[in-house]
Amino acid sequence: MKNWAKIDGALADHVDANWLRESAVKRRLREETSRMPRANMQISAHQGQQIGLLAHAIGARRAVEVGTFTGYSSLCIAETLPADGKLWCCDVSEEWTCIARRYWKEAGVEKRIELTIGPALGTLDWLLAQGLTGQLDLAFIDANKDDYDAYYERCLKLVRPGGLVLIDNVLWRGWIAEPAHVDADTKAIRALNAKLKADERVDLALFAVGDGMTCALKR
């Protein structure tokens, strides 16, 4: 069962050459973000491509993103939505999302995105209060880890049966498998991973891309 491929070196170059499709806009965004102090928060290009493919595969029209940073993942989602589609983005930083806004506009998707600056739990509760329970097609969670379970529960309410909840950083640099790591973030991810394994409300898969991404399909 333990047959996970290690992709680096020449094999990583082969993967980039044969699978990666990245627009010039997304490449410039990724390169600009790579020069920032918190650059490690950006998802990989392959992960963005995978998120976009999943959104397209389920015919997503409405989605929510918890944790936007400089906008790479939101750009990957928004460009797959129809012209009248909607992506609600939650973040706490005007500085980071100011960069995102520039690239959304350049890509021509800014009208599909509604950004709220503030704690994401409040935004998710507001969406539920607007009657959007079971109305969204996709949720992507990539924010502070200690609230992951709370984000998951709210996003699961928001997505429809057959919709997807994607959760980033579920491998957490390998720390979740190291008993010595007992910080709050690591413990929160471990707990959510165990909960998802037993959660009969969803079908489950792990994508070993980036820092690990859980894909939960709502039954």
Protein backbone atom coordinates (compact mmCIF):
# COMPACT_ATOMS: atom_id res chain seq x y z
CA MET A 1 0.00 0.00 0.00
CA LYS A 2 2.88 2.40 0.65
CA ASN A 3 3.73 3.28 -2.92
CA TRP A 4 3.68 7.08 -2.95
CA ALA A 5 5.97 8.49 -5.60
CA LYS A 6 8.65 11.00 -4.64
CA ILE A 7 8.63 13.68 -7.31
CA ASP A 8 11.76 15.79 -7.42
CA GLY A 9 14.80 16.42 -9.59
CA ALA A 10 14.52 15.18 -13.17
CA LEU A 11 11.13 13.60 -12.48
CA ALA A 12 9.75 16.94 -11.29
CA ASP A 13 11.05 18.58 -14.48
CA HIS A 14 9.28 15.87 -16.50
CA VAL A 15 6.03 16.49 -14.63
CA ASP A 16 6.27 20.24 -15.24
CA ALA A 17 7.01 19.69 -18.91
CA ASN A 18 4.19 17.22 -19.53
CA TRP A 19 1.34 18.13 -17.17
CA LEU A 20 1.60 21.74 -16.10
CA ARG A 21 -0.53 24.28 -17.95
CA GLU A 22 -0.11 27.75 -16.47
CA SER A 23 -1.26 30.98 -18.04
CA ALA A 24 1.06 33.96 -18.23
CA VAL A 25 -1.10 35.83 -15.69
CA LYS A 26 -0.91 33.03 -13.13
CA ARG A 27 2.81 32.60 -13.70
CA ARG A 28 3.44 36.29 -13.04
CA LEU A 29 1.32 36.13 -9.89
CA ARG A 30 3.22 33.11 -8.64
CA GLU A 31 6.57 34.77 -9.39
CA GLU A 32 5.60 38.01 -7.63
CA THR A 33 4.38 36.10 -4.59
CA SER A 34 7.58 34.03 -4.47
CA ARG A 35 9.50 37.19 -3.57
CA MET A 36 7.32 37.93 -0.52
CA PRO A 37 8.28 37.05 3.07
CA ARG A 38 5.32 34.62 3.42
CA ALA A 39 5.77 33.05 -0.01
CA ASN A 40 5.47 29.54 1.41
CA MET A 41 1.74 30.18 1.91
CA GLN A 42 1.16 30.10 -1.85
CA ILE A 43 -0.18 26.87 -3.34
CA SER A 44 1.81 25.19 -6.08
CA ALA A 45 0.96 25.64 -9.74
CA HIS A 46 0.07 21.96 -10.05
CA GLN A 47 -2.29 22.20 -7.10
CA GLY A 48 -3.98 25.23 -8.62
CA GLN A 49 -4.42 23.36 -11.88
CA GLN A 50 -5.92 20.42 -9.99
CA ILE A 51 -8.35 22.66 -8.09
CA GLY A 52 -9.44 24.29 -11.33
CA LEU A 53 -9.97 20.92 -13.00
CA LEU A 54 -12.11 19.71 -10.09
CA ALA A 55 -14.20 22.88 -10.20
CA HIS A 56 -14.70 22.44 -13.92
CA ALA A 57 -15.48 18.72 -13.61
CA ILE A 58 -18.40 19.32 -11.23
CA GLY A 59 -19.70 22.27 -13.24
CA ALA A 60 -19.12 24.69 -10.37
CA ARG A 61 -21.11 27.92 -10.50
CA ARG A 62 -20.78 29.10 -6.90
CA ALA A 63 -17.85 28.56 -4.57
CA VAL A 64 -16.22 29.82 -1.41
CA GLU A 65 -12.55 30.13 -0.51
CA VAL A 66 -11.30 30.38 3.07
CA GLY A 67 -7.87 32.00 2.91
CA THR A 68 -7.05 33.92 -0.27
CA PHE A 69 -3.52 35.27 0.29
CA THR A 70 -2.37 36.78 -3.05
CA GLY A 71 -5.07 35.12 -5.10
CA TYR A 72 -3.57 32.18 -6.98
CA SER A 73 -6.13 29.58 -5.92
CA SER A 74 -9.04 31.99 -6.31
CA LEU A 75 -7.86 32.80 -9.82
CA CYS A 76 -7.76 29.07 -10.64
CA ILE A 77 -11.33 28.65 -9.39
CA ALA A 78 -12.83 31.85 -10.79
CA GLU A 79 -11.61 31.28 -14.32
CA THR A 80 -13.56 27.99 -14.47
CA LEU A 81 -16.84 29.60 -13.38
CA PRO A 82 -19.43 30.83 -15.89
CA ALA A 83 -19.75 34.56 -16.48
CA ASP A 84 -22.56 34.77 -13.91
CA GLY A 85 -20.74 32.53 -11.42
CA LYS A 86 -19.72 33.66 -7.95
CA LEU A 87 -16.72 33.02 -5.71
CA TRP A 88 -16.81 34.33 -2.16
CA CYS A 89 -13.29 34.88 -0.81
CA CYS A 90 -12.42 35.24 2.87
CA ASP A 91 -9.16 36.75 4.12
CA VAL A 92 -7.88 39.04 6.87
CA SER A 93 -5.21 40.94 4.92
CA GLU A 94 -5.78 43.99 2.74
CA GLU A 95 -2.09 43.92 1.81
CA TRP A 96 -2.10 40.39 0.40
CA THR A 97 -5.49 40.62 -1.29
CA CYS A 98 -4.57 43.94 -2.92
CA ILE A 99 -2.18 41.87 -5.04
CA ALA A 100 -4.95 39.36 -5.71
CA ARG A 101 -7.30 42.09 -6.94
CA ARG A 102 -4.76 43.26 -9.52
CA TYR A 103 -4.46 39.80 -11.04
CA TRP A 104 -8.19 39.09 -10.90
CA LYS A 105 -8.74 42.25 -12.91
CA GLU A 106 -5.99 41.39 -15.40
CA ALA A 107 -7.49 37.93 -15.89
CA GLY A 108 -10.97 39.40 -16.36
CA VAL A 109 -12.59 37.51 -13.48
CA GLU A 110 -12.91 40.25 -10.87
CA LYS A 111 -16.70 40.53 -11.34
CA ARG A 112 -17.10 36.88 -10.34
CA ILE A 113 -15.33 37.39 -7.00
CA GLU A 114 -16.65 38.93 -3.79
CA LEU A 115 -13.89 39.46 -1.24
CA THR A 116 -14.63 40.00 2.45
CA ILE A 117 -11.84 41.17 4.76
CA GLY A 118 -12.36 39.82 8.26
CA PRO A 119 -12.48 36.57 10.22
CA ALA A 120 -13.67 33.82 7.89
CA LEU A 121 -16.01 32.21 10.41
CA GLY A 122 -18.08 35.37 10.42
CA THR A 123 -18.23 35.43 6.63
CA LEU A 124 -19.22 31.76 6.44
CA ASP A 125 -21.93 32.31 9.04
CA TRP A 126 -23.18 35.27 7.01
CA LEU A 127 -23.38 33.11 3.87
CA LEU A 128 -25.41 30.54 5.79
CA ALA A 129 -27.69 33.29 7.08
CA GLN A 130 -28.28 34.41 3.49
CA GLY A 131 -29.95 31.07 2.76
CA LEU A 132 -27.01 29.53 0.90
CA THR A 133 -27.08 26.24 2.82
CA GLY A 134 -26.62 23.46 0.27
CA GLN A 135 -26.30 25.96 -2.58
CA LEU A 136 -22.56 26.06 -3.27
CA ASP A 137 -20.63 23.66 -5.46
CA LEU A 138 -17.10 23.97 -4.09
CA ALA A 139 -15.22 25.11 -1.00
CA PHE A 140 -11.45 25.48 -0.64
CA ILE A 141 -10.00 25.79 2.86
CA ASP A 142 -6.47 27.15 3.30
CA ALA A 143 -6.30 29.44 6.32
CA ASN A 144 -5.38 29.30 10.03
CA LYS A 145 -5.22 25.66 11.05
CA ASP A 146 -6.74 25.88 14.53
CA ASP A 147 -10.10 26.77 12.96
CA TYR A 148 -9.97 24.06 10.29
CA ASP A 149 -12.69 21.96 11.89
CA ALA A 150 -15.01 24.95 12.22
CA TYR A 151 -14.36 25.94 8.60
CA TYR A 152 -15.03 22.39 7.46
CA GLU A 153 -18.36 22.13 9.27
CA ARG A 154 -19.61 25.41 7.83
CA CYS A 155 -18.38 24.66 4.32
CA LEU A 156 -19.99 21.22 4.43
CA LYS A 157 -23.30 22.93 5.20
CA LEU A 158 -22.82 25.37 2.34
CA VAL A 159 -22.00 22.86 -0.42
CA ARG A 160 -24.67 20.80 -2.15
CA PRO A 161 -24.75 17.00 -2.27
CA GLY A 162 -22.17 16.12 -4.91
CA GLY A 163 -20.22 19.28 -4.09
CA LEU A 164 -16.59 19.30 -2.98
CA VAL A 165 -14.78 20.56 0.10
CA LEU A 166 -11.03 20.81 -0.56
CA ILE A 167 -8.69 21.21 2.41
CA ASP A 168 -5.05 22.24 2.00
CA ASN A 169 -1.96 21.41 4.12
CA VAL A 170 -3.33 18.12 5.45
CA LEU A 171 0.15 16.54 5.40
CA TRP A 172 1.58 19.60 7.17
CA ARG A 173 5.20 19.17 6.02
CA GLY A 174 5.12 15.63 7.40
CA TRP A 175 4.79 16.88 10.96
CA ILE A 176 1.42 15.17 11.50
CA ALA A 177 3.29 11.83 11.41
CA GLU A 178 5.91 12.95 13.95
CA PRO A 179 4.80 12.53 17.60
CA ALA A 180 7.24 15.20 18.75
CA HIS A 181 5.18 17.87 16.99
CA VAL A 182 2.44 18.80 19.43
CA ASP A 183 1.84 22.44 18.55
CA ALA A 184 -1.75 23.62 18.18
CA ASP A 185 -1.74 23.70 14.37
CA THR A 186 -0.37 20.18 14.01
CA LYS A 187 -2.82 18.82 16.57
CA ALA A 188 -5.74 20.54 14.80
CA ILE A 189 -4.84 19.00 11.44
CA ARG A 190 -4.33 15.56 12.97
CA ALA A 191 -7.74 15.78 14.62
CA LEU A 192 -9.50 16.86 11.44
CA ASN A 193 -7.80 14.13 9.39
CA ALA A 194 -9.01 11.51 11.87
CA LYS A 195 -12.50 13.00 11.90
CA LEU A 196 -12.72 12.97 8.11
CA LYS A 197 -11.67 9.33 7.95
CA ALA A 198 -14.77 8.42 9.97
CA ASP A 199 -17.13 11.05 8.53
CA GLU A 200 -19.93 9.22 6.72
CA ARG A 201 -21.30 12.48 5.33
CA VAL A 202 -18.57 12.50 2.67
CA ASP A 203 -16.58 10.35 0.28
CA LEU A 204 -12.88 10.97 0.73
CA ALA A 205 -9.59 11.09 -1.15
CA LEU A 206 -6.12 12.48 -0.52
CA PHE A 207 -4.26 14.24 -3.32
CA ALA A 208 -0.52 14.18 -2.64
CA VAL A 209 0.04 17.54 -4.29
CA GLY A 210 1.70 20.51 -2.63
CA ASP A 211 1.45 19.99 1.13
CA GLY A 212 -1.35 17.44 0.73
CA MET A 213 -4.97 18.23 -0.17
CA THR A 214 -8.03 16.42 1.08
CA CYS A 215 -10.96 16.11 -1.31
CA ALA A 216 -14.28 15.46 0.43
CA LEU A 217 -17.34 14.89 -1.76
CA LYS A 218 -20.59 15.56 0.09
CA ARG A 219 -23.00 12.63 -0.06
